[in-house]
């Protein structure tokens, strides 16, 4: 497309939404480990393989079965003081980080969202090895908010608080190496409705 031409987004029927993730500068979401990334050599590592089991419905997830058939080994690099048994999935999660929860609630108020009076921490299946437990913990904080923009209001579908995944270091057909320093760092996820009208609006 020539540089001087202008795309007619309205004629195109353009619709877009965004899903925004932002790490929080607190301790980890479900333990007391500090939230910072390490550049030094890991102190140890563990090796695991994906083991497929049936879920609550009694059925095995098709994608999980497919990934398990690859027989890939997952290698997790561990640093003392920034990784504990929670990240290793060897200890139950602690109570949710209150500072991270408070920040999520502040964001919900700023976005005029409806804060849920009762909510539950959910587990989303993860099959690429980026979480040692095979799932990611996430909790919906609020919904039905909005933000004012020069193009009109953008509706906020939902605001979530979730744990970040492990950091991928190296991957090939037979194995994947992850660093556990990032696993469990709190993330705010903000999902908008498809109210963005053009590229500049999305930006």
N, C-alpha and C. Protein backbone atom coordinates (compact mmCIF):
# COMPACT_ATOMS: atom_id res chain seq x y z
N UNK A 1 0.85 -1.19 0.00
CA UNK A 1 0.00 0.00 0.00
C UNK A 1 0.89 1.24 0.00
N UNK A 2 0.67 2.22 -0.87
CA UNK A 2 1.49 3.43 -0.90
C UNK A 2 1.43 4.16 0.43
N UNK A 3 2.55 4.79 0.76
CA UNK A 3 2.67 5.44 2.07
C UNK A 3 1.67 6.57 2.24
N UNK A 4 1.34 7.27 1.13
CA UNK A 4 0.47 8.44 1.24
C UNK A 4 -1.02 8.07 1.20
N UNK A 5 -1.33 6.77 0.97
CA UNK A 5 -2.75 6.36 0.95
C UNK A 5 -3.23 6.16 2.38
N UNK A 6 -4.53 6.35 2.57
CA UNK A 6 -5.10 6.24 3.91
C UNK A 6 -6.13 5.12 3.91
N UNK A 7 -5.98 4.19 4.83
CA UNK A 7 -6.91 3.08 4.90
C UNK A 7 -8.24 3.55 5.48
N UNK A 8 -9.33 3.16 4.85
CA UNK A 8 -10.67 3.50 5.34
C UNK A 8 -11.13 2.37 6.27
N UNK A 9 -10.82 2.51 7.56
CA UNK A 9 -11.13 1.47 8.53
C UNK A 9 -12.63 1.24 8.66
N UNK A 10 -13.39 2.33 8.55
CA UNK A 10 -14.85 2.20 8.68
C UNK A 10 -15.42 1.39 7.52
N UNK A 11 -14.96 1.71 6.30
CA UNK A 11 -15.41 0.97 5.12
C UNK A 11 -14.98 -0.50 5.20
N UNK A 12 -13.80 -0.71 5.76
CA UNK A 12 -13.27 -2.06 5.91
C UNK A 12 -14.07 -2.88 6.92
N UNK A 13 -14.76 -2.20 7.84
CA UNK A 13 -15.48 -2.89 8.91
C UNK A 13 -14.55 -3.33 10.02
N UNK A 14 -13.48 -2.56 10.21
CA UNK A 14 -12.44 -2.91 11.19
C UNK A 14 -13.00 -2.94 12.61
N UNK A 15 -12.69 -4.03 13.31
CA UNK A 15 -13.02 -4.15 14.74
C UNK A 15 -11.85 -4.82 15.43
N UNK A 16 -11.46 -4.31 16.57
CA UNK A 16 -10.32 -4.90 17.28
C UNK A 16 -10.46 -4.68 18.78
N UNK A 17 -9.96 -5.65 19.50
CA UNK A 17 -9.86 -5.52 20.95
C UNK A 17 -8.43 -5.83 21.36
N UNK A 18 -8.11 -5.58 22.60
CA UNK A 18 -6.77 -5.84 23.10
C UNK A 18 -6.83 -6.71 24.35
N UNK A 19 -5.79 -7.52 24.54
CA UNK A 19 -5.58 -8.22 25.80
C UNK A 19 -4.21 -7.77 26.29
N UNK A 20 -4.21 -7.06 27.40
CA UNK A 20 -2.99 -6.43 27.91
C UNK A 20 -2.53 -7.18 29.16
N UNK A 21 -1.23 -7.48 29.22
CA UNK A 21 -0.64 -8.12 30.40
C UNK A 21 0.42 -7.19 30.99
N UNK A 22 0.39 -7.00 32.28
CA UNK A 22 1.37 -6.16 32.95
C UNK A 22 1.84 -6.84 34.24
N UNK A 23 3.15 -7.06 34.34
CA UNK A 23 3.70 -7.61 35.59
C UNK A 23 3.58 -6.58 36.70
N UNK A 24 3.41 -7.06 37.93
CA UNK A 24 3.35 -6.19 39.10
C UNK A 24 4.63 -6.31 39.90
N UNK A 25 5.07 -5.20 40.45
CA UNK A 25 6.31 -5.17 41.23
C UNK A 25 6.02 -5.50 42.69
N UNK A 26 5.57 -6.73 42.91
CA UNK A 26 5.32 -7.24 44.26
C UNK A 26 6.05 -8.57 44.38
N UNK A 27 5.89 -9.22 45.51
CA UNK A 27 6.38 -10.60 45.60
C UNK A 27 5.46 -11.50 44.77
N UNK A 28 5.82 -12.76 44.62
CA UNK A 28 5.07 -13.64 43.74
C UNK A 28 3.63 -13.83 44.24
N UNK A 29 2.78 -14.30 43.35
CA UNK A 29 1.35 -14.28 43.61
C UNK A 29 0.91 -15.29 44.66
N UNK A 30 1.56 -16.45 44.70
CA UNK A 30 1.11 -17.49 45.62
C UNK A 30 2.21 -18.01 46.55
N UNK A 31 3.28 -17.24 46.70
CA UNK A 31 4.31 -17.53 47.70
C UNK A 31 5.01 -16.22 48.03
N UNK A 32 6.03 -16.28 48.88
CA UNK A 32 6.69 -15.05 49.32
C UNK A 32 8.01 -14.81 48.60
N UNK A 33 8.28 -15.53 47.52
CA UNK A 33 9.53 -15.34 46.77
C UNK A 33 9.53 -13.96 46.10
N UNK A 34 10.71 -13.33 46.00
CA UNK A 34 10.79 -12.04 45.30
C UNK A 34 10.57 -12.21 43.81
N UNK A 35 10.07 -11.14 43.19
CA UNK A 35 9.74 -11.17 41.75
C UNK A 35 10.82 -10.44 40.96
N UNK A 36 11.91 -11.12 40.67
CA UNK A 36 12.88 -10.53 39.74
C UNK A 36 13.58 -11.63 38.98
N UNK A 37 14.04 -11.29 37.77
CA UNK A 37 14.66 -12.25 36.87
C UNK A 37 16.15 -12.34 37.13
N UNK A 38 16.68 -13.55 37.05
CA UNK A 38 18.09 -13.82 37.37
C UNK A 38 18.89 -14.01 36.08
N UNK A 39 20.08 -13.43 36.06
CA UNK A 39 21.00 -13.62 34.93
C UNK A 39 22.18 -14.52 35.29
N UNK A 40 22.32 -14.84 36.59
CA UNK A 40 23.42 -15.71 37.00
C UNK A 40 23.07 -17.18 36.74
N UNK A 41 24.06 -18.03 36.87
CA UNK A 41 23.87 -19.45 36.62
C UNK A 41 22.92 -20.04 37.66
N UNK A 42 22.03 -20.94 37.24
CA UNK A 42 21.10 -21.57 38.20
C UNK A 42 21.84 -22.44 39.21
N UNK A 43 21.24 -22.59 40.38
CA UNK A 43 21.84 -23.41 41.44
C UNK A 43 21.57 -24.90 41.23
N UNK A 44 20.46 -25.22 40.58
CA UNK A 44 20.12 -26.63 40.34
C UNK A 44 19.07 -26.69 39.24
N UNK A 45 18.70 -27.92 38.88
CA UNK A 45 17.65 -28.10 37.90
C UNK A 45 16.92 -29.41 38.15
N UNK A 46 15.69 -29.48 37.69
CA UNK A 46 14.93 -30.72 37.75
C UNK A 46 14.44 -31.04 36.34
N UNK A 47 14.17 -32.31 36.09
CA UNK A 47 13.73 -32.76 34.77
C UNK A 47 12.41 -33.51 34.92
N UNK A 48 11.46 -33.17 34.05
CA UNK A 48 10.14 -33.81 34.11
C UNK A 48 9.62 -34.06 32.70
N UNK A 49 8.60 -34.93 32.64
CA UNK A 49 7.88 -35.17 31.40
C UNK A 49 6.39 -35.01 31.66
N UNK A 50 5.68 -34.63 30.61
CA UNK A 50 4.24 -34.43 30.73
C UNK A 50 3.54 -35.77 30.90
N UNK A 51 2.72 -35.89 31.94
CA UNK A 51 1.94 -37.10 32.20
C UNK A 51 0.47 -36.73 32.06
N UNK A 52 -0.21 -37.35 31.12
CA UNK A 52 -1.59 -36.99 30.82
C UNK A 52 -2.55 -37.76 31.73
N UNK A 53 -3.48 -37.04 32.34
CA UNK A 53 -4.53 -37.67 33.15
C UNK A 53 -5.87 -37.05 32.75
N UNK A 54 -6.94 -37.77 33.05
CA UNK A 54 -8.29 -37.28 32.75
C UNK A 54 -8.65 -36.13 33.67
N UNK A 55 -9.41 -35.17 33.15
CA UNK A 55 -9.87 -34.04 33.95
C UNK A 55 -11.14 -34.38 34.71
N UNK A 56 -11.81 -33.35 35.25
CA UNK A 56 -13.01 -33.56 36.04
C UNK A 56 -14.13 -34.20 35.23
N UNK A 57 -14.13 -33.96 33.91
CA UNK A 57 -15.17 -34.53 33.05
C UNK A 57 -14.92 -36.02 32.79
N UNK A 58 -13.74 -36.50 33.17
CA UNK A 58 -13.39 -37.89 32.91
C UNK A 58 -12.71 -38.10 31.57
N UNK A 59 -12.54 -37.01 30.80
CA UNK A 59 -11.93 -37.09 29.48
C UNK A 59 -10.52 -36.52 29.50
N UNK A 60 -9.68 -37.06 28.64
CA UNK A 60 -8.31 -36.56 28.49
C UNK A 60 -8.29 -35.48 27.43
N UNK A 61 -7.67 -34.34 27.73
CA UNK A 61 -7.56 -33.24 26.78
C UNK A 61 -6.78 -33.69 25.55
N UNK A 62 -7.36 -33.44 24.36
CA UNK A 62 -6.75 -33.90 23.10
C UNK A 62 -5.38 -33.25 22.89
N UNK A 63 -5.29 -31.95 23.17
CA UNK A 63 -4.02 -31.24 22.98
C UNK A 63 -2.95 -31.75 23.94
N UNK A 64 -3.36 -32.05 25.18
CA UNK A 64 -2.41 -32.58 26.16
C UNK A 64 -1.90 -33.95 25.75
N UNK A 65 -2.80 -34.80 25.24
CA UNK A 65 -2.40 -36.11 24.78
C UNK A 65 -1.40 -35.99 23.62
N UNK A 66 -1.68 -35.08 22.69
CA UNK A 66 -0.79 -34.87 21.54
C UNK A 66 0.60 -34.42 22.00
N UNK A 67 0.63 -33.50 22.97
CA UNK A 67 1.92 -33.00 23.47
C UNK A 67 2.68 -34.11 24.19
N UNK A 68 1.98 -34.93 24.97
CA UNK A 68 2.62 -36.02 25.70
C UNK A 68 3.24 -37.05 24.76
N UNK A 69 2.60 -37.25 23.62
CA UNK A 69 3.11 -38.22 22.64
C UNK A 69 4.47 -37.81 22.06
N UNK A 70 4.80 -36.52 22.17
CA UNK A 70 6.11 -36.04 21.69
C UNK A 70 7.24 -36.51 22.60
N UNK A 71 6.87 -36.90 23.85
CA UNK A 71 7.84 -37.40 24.83
C UNK A 71 8.96 -36.39 25.09
N UNK A 72 8.63 -35.12 25.07
CA UNK A 72 9.61 -34.07 25.29
C UNK A 72 9.95 -33.97 26.78
N UNK A 73 11.20 -33.73 27.07
CA UNK A 73 11.64 -33.55 28.46
C UNK A 73 11.67 -32.06 28.78
N UNK A 74 11.13 -31.72 29.96
CA UNK A 74 11.13 -30.33 30.42
C UNK A 74 12.18 -30.20 31.52
N UNK A 75 13.10 -29.27 31.32
CA UNK A 75 14.19 -29.03 32.28
C UNK A 75 13.94 -27.67 32.93
N UNK A 76 13.84 -27.66 34.25
CA UNK A 76 13.54 -26.44 34.99
C UNK A 76 14.76 -25.98 35.78
N UNK A 77 15.25 -24.78 35.47
CA UNK A 77 16.40 -24.20 36.16
C UNK A 77 15.92 -23.47 37.41
N UNK A 78 16.62 -23.70 38.51
CA UNK A 78 16.21 -23.19 39.82
C UNK A 78 17.30 -22.30 40.41
N UNK A 79 16.89 -21.16 40.94
CA UNK A 79 17.79 -20.29 41.71
C UNK A 79 17.32 -20.26 43.16
N UNK A 80 18.27 -20.38 44.07
CA UNK A 80 17.93 -20.23 45.48
C UNK A 80 17.41 -18.81 45.73
N UNK A 81 16.47 -18.68 46.65
CA UNK A 81 15.90 -17.41 47.11
C UNK A 81 14.87 -16.80 46.17
N UNK A 82 14.79 -17.24 44.89
CA UNK A 82 13.74 -16.75 44.01
C UNK A 82 12.82 -17.89 43.53
N UNK A 83 13.08 -19.08 44.02
CA UNK A 83 12.24 -20.24 43.68
C UNK A 83 12.02 -21.06 44.95
N UNK A 84 10.79 -21.52 45.13
CA UNK A 84 10.50 -22.36 46.30
C UNK A 84 9.68 -23.57 45.84
N UNK A 85 9.18 -24.34 46.79
CA UNK A 85 8.44 -25.55 46.47
C UNK A 85 7.11 -25.28 45.77
N UNK A 86 6.58 -24.05 45.92
CA UNK A 86 5.34 -23.70 45.22
C UNK A 86 5.57 -23.70 43.71
N UNK A 87 6.66 -23.06 43.27
CA UNK A 87 6.98 -23.05 41.83
C UNK A 87 7.28 -24.46 41.31
N UNK A 88 7.82 -25.30 42.15
CA UNK A 88 8.14 -26.67 41.74
C UNK A 88 6.91 -27.58 41.76
N UNK A 89 5.76 -27.05 42.18
CA UNK A 89 4.52 -27.81 42.31
C UNK A 89 4.69 -28.96 43.30
N UNK A 90 5.49 -28.70 44.35
CA UNK A 90 5.72 -29.69 45.41
C UNK A 90 5.08 -29.24 46.72
N UNK A 91 4.43 -28.07 46.71
CA UNK A 91 3.79 -27.51 47.90
C UNK A 91 2.55 -26.76 47.45
N UNK A 92 1.46 -26.82 48.20
CA UNK A 92 0.25 -26.09 47.81
C UNK A 92 0.51 -24.58 47.76
N UNK A 93 -0.22 -23.86 46.92
CA UNK A 93 -0.04 -22.40 46.87
C UNK A 93 -0.42 -21.77 48.20
N UNK A 94 0.25 -20.67 48.54
CA UNK A 94 -0.08 -19.91 49.75
C UNK A 94 -1.28 -19.01 49.44
N UNK A 95 -1.73 -18.26 50.42
CA UNK A 95 -2.80 -17.29 50.19
C UNK A 95 -2.36 -16.28 49.13
N UNK A 96 -3.30 -15.78 48.36
CA UNK A 96 -2.98 -14.85 47.29
C UNK A 96 -2.30 -13.59 47.85
N UNK A 97 -1.34 -13.06 47.13
CA UNK A 97 -0.59 -11.88 47.55
C UNK A 97 -1.54 -10.68 47.71
N UNK A 98 -1.63 -10.15 48.91
CA UNK A 98 -2.60 -9.08 49.21
C UNK A 98 -2.25 -7.78 48.50
N UNK A 99 -0.95 -7.49 48.35
CA UNK A 99 -0.55 -6.26 47.67
C UNK A 99 -0.96 -6.32 46.19
N UNK A 100 -0.72 -7.46 45.55
CA UNK A 100 -1.11 -7.62 44.14
C UNK A 100 -2.62 -7.52 43.99
N UNK A 101 -3.35 -8.11 44.91
CA UNK A 101 -4.81 -8.06 44.88
C UNK A 101 -5.31 -6.62 45.03
N UNK A 102 -4.67 -5.87 45.93
CA UNK A 102 -5.06 -4.47 46.14
C UNK A 102 -4.81 -3.64 44.88
N UNK A 103 -3.69 -3.87 44.21
CA UNK A 103 -3.39 -3.15 42.97
C UNK A 103 -4.45 -3.47 41.91
N UNK A 104 -4.82 -4.75 41.80
CA UNK A 104 -5.83 -5.15 40.82
C UNK A 104 -7.17 -4.47 41.11
N UNK A 105 -7.52 -4.35 42.37
CA UNK A 105 -8.76 -3.68 42.75
C UNK A 105 -8.71 -2.19 42.42
N UNK A 106 -7.56 -1.56 42.64
CA UNK A 106 -7.40 -0.14 42.29
C UNK A 106 -7.59 0.07 40.79
N UNK A 107 -6.99 -0.83 39.98
CA UNK A 107 -7.14 -0.73 38.53
C UNK A 107 -8.60 -0.89 38.13
N UNK A 108 -9.28 -1.83 38.77
CA UNK A 108 -10.70 -2.04 38.48
C UNK A 108 -11.52 -0.78 38.77
N UNK A 109 -11.21 -0.11 39.86
CA UNK A 109 -11.92 1.14 40.21
C UNK A 109 -11.62 2.22 39.17
N UNK A 110 -10.36 2.36 38.77
CA UNK A 110 -9.98 3.36 37.78
C UNK A 110 -10.66 3.12 36.43
N UNK A 111 -10.96 1.86 36.12
CA UNK A 111 -11.61 1.52 34.86
C UNK A 111 -13.12 1.39 35.01
N UNK A 112 -13.64 1.88 36.14
CA UNK A 112 -15.10 1.88 36.40
C UNK A 112 -15.72 0.50 36.22
N UNK A 113 -14.97 -0.53 36.56
CA UNK A 113 -15.44 -1.91 36.39
C UNK A 113 -16.21 -2.37 37.63
N UNK A 114 -17.06 -3.36 37.43
CA UNK A 114 -17.83 -3.94 38.53
C UNK A 114 -16.99 -5.03 39.20
N UNK A 115 -16.59 -4.79 40.44
CA UNK A 115 -15.77 -5.74 41.18
C UNK A 115 -16.65 -6.90 41.65
N UNK A 116 -16.18 -8.11 41.41
CA UNK A 116 -16.96 -9.29 41.79
C UNK A 116 -16.91 -9.48 43.30
N UNK A 117 -18.06 -9.62 43.96
CA UNK A 117 -18.06 -9.79 45.42
C UNK A 117 -17.51 -11.15 45.86
N UNK A 118 -17.69 -12.16 45.02
CA UNK A 118 -17.17 -13.50 45.30
C UNK A 118 -16.49 -14.00 44.02
N UNK A 119 -15.30 -14.52 44.17
CA UNK A 119 -14.60 -15.04 43.01
C UNK A 119 -13.81 -16.27 43.40
N UNK A 120 -13.31 -16.97 42.41
CA UNK A 120 -12.61 -18.23 42.67
C UNK A 120 -11.37 -18.30 41.78
N UNK A 121 -10.29 -18.80 42.35
CA UNK A 121 -9.07 -18.98 41.57
C UNK A 121 -9.26 -20.19 40.65
N UNK A 122 -9.08 -19.94 39.35
CA UNK A 122 -9.28 -20.99 38.34
C UNK A 122 -7.93 -21.54 37.89
N UNK A 123 -7.96 -22.72 37.28
CA UNK A 123 -6.75 -23.31 36.73
C UNK A 123 -6.94 -23.51 35.23
N UNK A 124 -6.08 -22.85 34.44
CA UNK A 124 -6.13 -23.00 32.98
C UNK A 124 -5.03 -23.98 32.56
N UNK A 125 -5.40 -24.99 31.80
CA UNK A 125 -4.45 -26.01 31.37
C UNK A 125 -3.34 -25.41 30.52
N UNK A 126 -2.10 -25.79 30.83
CA UNK A 126 -0.92 -25.36 30.08
C UNK A 126 -0.15 -26.62 29.68
N UNK A 127 0.09 -26.81 28.38
CA UNK A 127 0.68 -28.07 27.94
C UNK A 127 2.08 -27.91 27.34
N UNK A 128 2.61 -26.69 27.31
CA UNK A 128 3.93 -26.49 26.68
C UNK A 128 5.08 -26.59 27.66
N UNK A 129 4.78 -26.94 28.94
CA UNK A 129 5.83 -27.08 29.94
C UNK A 129 6.17 -25.80 30.67
N UNK A 130 5.55 -24.69 30.31
CA UNK A 130 5.92 -23.40 30.91
C UNK A 130 5.39 -23.23 32.33
N UNK A 131 4.64 -24.21 32.81
CA UNK A 131 4.22 -24.20 34.21
C UNK A 131 4.38 -25.62 34.75
N UNK A 132 5.07 -25.75 35.84
CA UNK A 132 5.41 -27.08 36.37
C UNK A 132 4.19 -27.90 36.75
N UNK A 133 3.09 -27.25 37.08
CA UNK A 133 1.88 -27.97 37.47
C UNK A 133 1.00 -28.36 36.31
N UNK A 134 1.32 -27.87 35.11
CA UNK A 134 0.48 -28.17 33.95
C UNK A 134 -0.73 -27.26 33.86
N UNK A 135 -0.76 -26.22 34.67
CA UNK A 135 -1.87 -25.26 34.62
C UNK A 135 -1.39 -23.90 35.13
N UNK A 136 -2.14 -22.86 34.79
CA UNK A 136 -1.88 -21.50 35.26
C UNK A 136 -3.03 -21.07 36.16
N UNK A 137 -2.71 -20.49 37.29
CA UNK A 137 -3.75 -19.99 38.20
C UNK A 137 -4.14 -18.57 37.80
N UNK A 138 -5.44 -18.31 37.73
CA UNK A 138 -5.93 -16.99 37.37
C UNK A 138 -7.24 -16.73 38.11
N UNK A 139 -7.50 -15.47 38.41
CA UNK A 139 -8.72 -15.11 39.13
C UNK A 139 -9.31 -13.85 38.50
N UNK A 140 -10.61 -13.89 38.21
CA UNK A 140 -11.29 -12.72 37.66
C UNK A 140 -11.60 -11.76 38.80
N UNK A 141 -11.18 -10.51 38.64
CA UNK A 141 -11.35 -9.49 39.67
C UNK A 141 -12.58 -8.64 39.42
N UNK A 142 -12.78 -8.24 38.16
CA UNK A 142 -13.88 -7.32 37.83
C UNK A 142 -14.23 -7.45 36.35
N UNK A 143 -15.37 -6.87 35.97
CA UNK A 143 -15.79 -6.90 34.57
C UNK A 143 -16.66 -5.68 34.26
N UNK A 144 -16.98 -5.54 32.98
CA UNK A 144 -17.90 -4.49 32.53
C UNK A 144 -17.45 -3.08 32.91
N UNK A 145 -16.18 -2.78 32.64
CA UNK A 145 -15.68 -1.42 32.87
C UNK A 145 -15.57 -0.68 31.54
N UNK A 146 -14.91 0.46 31.59
CA UNK A 146 -14.66 1.21 30.36
C UNK A 146 -13.52 2.20 30.59
N UNK A 147 -12.93 2.64 29.48
CA UNK A 147 -11.93 3.70 29.54
C UNK A 147 -12.28 4.73 28.47
N UNK A 148 -12.21 6.01 28.83
CA UNK A 148 -12.53 7.07 27.89
C UNK A 148 -11.34 7.33 26.97
N UNK A 149 -11.61 7.46 25.68
CA UNK A 149 -10.57 7.79 24.71
C UNK A 149 -11.09 8.88 23.78
N UNK A 150 -10.21 9.46 22.98
CA UNK A 150 -10.62 10.50 22.03
C UNK A 150 -11.52 9.95 20.93
N UNK A 151 -11.56 8.62 20.77
CA UNK A 151 -12.41 7.98 19.77
C UNK A 151 -13.70 7.45 20.39
N UNK A 152 -13.91 7.72 21.67
CA UNK A 152 -15.07 7.19 22.37
C UNK A 152 -14.65 6.17 23.41
N UNK A 153 -15.61 5.71 24.18
CA UNK A 153 -15.32 4.76 25.24
C UNK A 153 -14.94 3.39 24.67
N UNK A 154 -13.97 2.74 25.33
CA UNK A 154 -13.61 1.36 25.04
C UNK A 154 -14.06 0.54 26.24
N UNK A 155 -14.93 -0.43 25.97
CA UNK A 155 -15.45 -1.25 27.06
C UNK A 155 -14.40 -2.27 27.52
N UNK A 156 -14.35 -2.46 28.82
CA UNK A 156 -13.43 -3.44 29.41
C UNK A 156 -14.23 -4.70 29.73
N UNK A 157 -13.90 -5.78 29.04
CA UNK A 157 -14.59 -7.05 29.23
C UNK A 157 -14.30 -7.64 30.60
N UNK A 158 -13.01 -7.70 30.97
CA UNK A 158 -12.65 -8.30 32.24
C UNK A 158 -11.26 -7.89 32.71
N UNK A 159 -11.07 -7.94 34.01
CA UNK A 159 -9.78 -7.66 34.64
C UNK A 159 -9.44 -8.88 35.48
N UNK A 160 -8.26 -9.45 35.22
CA UNK A 160 -7.85 -10.70 35.87
C UNK A 160 -6.52 -10.50 36.57
N UNK A 161 -6.28 -11.31 37.58
CA UNK A 161 -5.00 -11.38 38.26
C UNK A 161 -4.50 -12.81 38.10
N UNK A 162 -3.32 -12.98 37.52
CA UNK A 162 -2.83 -14.33 37.25
C UNK A 162 -1.33 -14.42 37.44
N UNK A 163 -0.82 -15.65 37.43
CA UNK A 163 0.61 -15.86 37.62
C UNK A 163 1.30 -15.98 36.26
N UNK A 164 2.47 -15.35 36.16
CA UNK A 164 3.26 -15.43 34.93
C UNK A 164 3.82 -16.84 34.78
N UNK A 165 4.21 -17.18 33.55
CA UNK A 165 4.75 -18.51 33.26
C UNK A 165 6.26 -18.53 33.46
N UNK A 166 6.84 -19.72 33.42
CA UNK A 166 8.29 -19.87 33.48
C UNK A 166 8.90 -19.29 32.21
N UNK A 167 10.16 -18.91 32.29
CA UNK A 167 10.85 -18.24 31.18
C UNK A 167 11.57 -19.25 30.31
N UNK A 168 11.23 -19.28 29.02
CA UNK A 168 11.85 -20.22 28.09
C UNK A 168 13.28 -19.80 27.79
N UNK A 169 14.21 -20.75 27.97
CA UNK A 169 15.63 -20.49 27.71
C UNK A 169 16.06 -21.14 26.40
N UNK A 170 15.62 -22.37 26.17
CA UNK A 170 16.05 -23.13 25.00
C UNK A 170 15.01 -24.20 24.70
N UNK A 171 14.77 -24.45 23.40
CA UNK A 171 13.78 -25.46 23.03
C UNK A 171 14.19 -26.13 21.73
N UNK A 172 14.05 -27.46 21.71
CA UNK A 172 14.22 -28.21 20.47
C UNK A 172 13.17 -29.31 20.45
N UNK A 173 13.29 -30.24 19.51
CA UNK A 173 12.26 -31.28 19.37
C UNK A 173 12.20 -32.23 20.56
N UNK A 174 13.31 -32.40 21.28
CA UNK A 174 13.37 -33.39 22.35
C UNK A 174 13.24 -32.81 23.75
N UNK A 175 13.50 -31.51 23.90
CA UNK A 175 13.47 -30.93 25.25
C UNK A 175 13.17 -29.43 25.20
N UNK A 176 12.81 -28.91 26.36
CA UNK A 176 12.61 -27.48 26.54
C UNK A 176 13.19 -27.11 27.89
N UNK A 177 13.97 -26.03 27.93
CA UNK A 177 14.59 -25.57 29.16
C UNK A 177 13.89 -24.29 29.61
N UNK A 178 13.40 -24.30 30.85
CA UNK A 178 12.72 -23.14 31.42
C UNK A 178 13.43 -22.68 32.68
N UNK A 179 13.37 -21.39 32.94
CA UNK A 179 13.90 -20.82 34.18
C UNK A 179 12.71 -20.43 35.06
N UNK A 180 12.74 -20.86 36.32
CA UNK A 180 11.59 -20.68 37.19
C UNK A 180 11.55 -19.34 37.93
N UNK A 181 12.50 -18.45 37.64
CA UNK A 181 12.47 -17.15 38.33
C UNK A 181 11.22 -16.35 38.00
N UNK A 182 10.72 -16.47 36.76
CA UNK A 182 9.54 -15.69 36.34
C UNK A 182 8.22 -16.35 36.74
N UNK A 183 8.24 -17.65 36.95
CA UNK A 183 7.01 -18.37 37.27
C UNK A 183 6.40 -17.86 38.57
N UNK A 184 5.14 -17.43 38.51
CA UNK A 184 4.45 -16.97 39.72
C UNK A 184 4.46 -15.48 39.92
N UNK A 185 5.21 -14.71 39.09
CA UNK A 185 5.16 -13.25 39.22
C UNK A 185 3.74 -12.79 38.87
N UNK A 186 3.14 -11.91 39.66
CA UNK A 186 1.76 -11.49 39.40
C UNK A 186 1.63 -10.71 38.09
N UNK A 187 0.58 -11.04 37.35
CA UNK A 187 0.23 -10.32 36.13
C UNK A 187 -1.18 -9.78 36.25
N UNK A 188 -1.38 -8.54 35.82
CA UNK A 188 -2.72 -8.02 35.60
C UNK A 188 -3.05 -8.26 34.13
N UNK A 189 -4.18 -8.86 33.86
CA UNK A 189 -4.65 -9.03 32.48
C UNK A 189 -5.90 -8.18 32.31
N UNK A 190 -5.90 -7.32 31.30
CA UNK A 190 -7.06 -6.48 30.98
C UNK A 190 -7.50 -6.83 29.56
N UNK A 191 -8.73 -7.28 29.42
CA UNK A 191 -9.27 -7.64 28.11
C UNK A 191 -10.35 -6.64 27.73
N UNK A 192 -10.22 -6.05 26.54
CA UNK A 192 -11.23 -5.09 26.08
C UNK A 192 -12.22 -5.77 25.14
N UNK A 193 -13.33 -5.12 24.96
CA UNK A 193 -14.27 -5.51 23.90
C UNK A 193 -13.68 -5.03 22.56
N UNK A 194 -14.19 -5.52 21.43
CA UNK A 194 -13.65 -5.10 20.12
C UNK A 194 -14.15 -3.71 19.72
N UNK A 195 -13.80 -2.70 20.52
CA UNK A 195 -14.28 -1.33 20.31
C UNK A 195 -13.25 -0.41 19.66
N UNK A 196 -12.07 -0.93 19.34
CA UNK A 196 -11.02 -0.09 18.77
C UNK A 196 -11.31 0.15 17.29
N UNK A 197 -11.24 1.40 16.89
CA UNK A 197 -11.76 1.79 15.57
C UNK A 197 -10.72 1.81 14.47
N UNK A 198 -9.44 1.93 14.82
CA UNK A 198 -8.38 1.97 13.80
C UNK A 198 -7.03 1.70 14.47
N UNK A 199 -5.99 1.69 13.68
CA UNK A 199 -4.66 1.35 14.20
C UNK A 199 -4.19 2.37 15.23
N UNK A 200 -4.46 3.64 14.99
CA UNK A 200 -4.03 4.68 15.93
C UNK A 200 -4.77 4.53 17.26
N UNK A 201 -6.04 4.18 17.19
CA UNK A 201 -6.83 3.96 18.40
C UNK A 201 -6.26 2.78 19.20
N UNK A 202 -5.90 1.70 18.51
CA UNK A 202 -5.32 0.55 19.17
C UNK A 202 -4.00 0.92 19.83
N UNK A 203 -3.19 1.71 19.12
CA UNK A 203 -1.90 2.15 19.66
C UNK A 203 -2.10 2.97 20.92
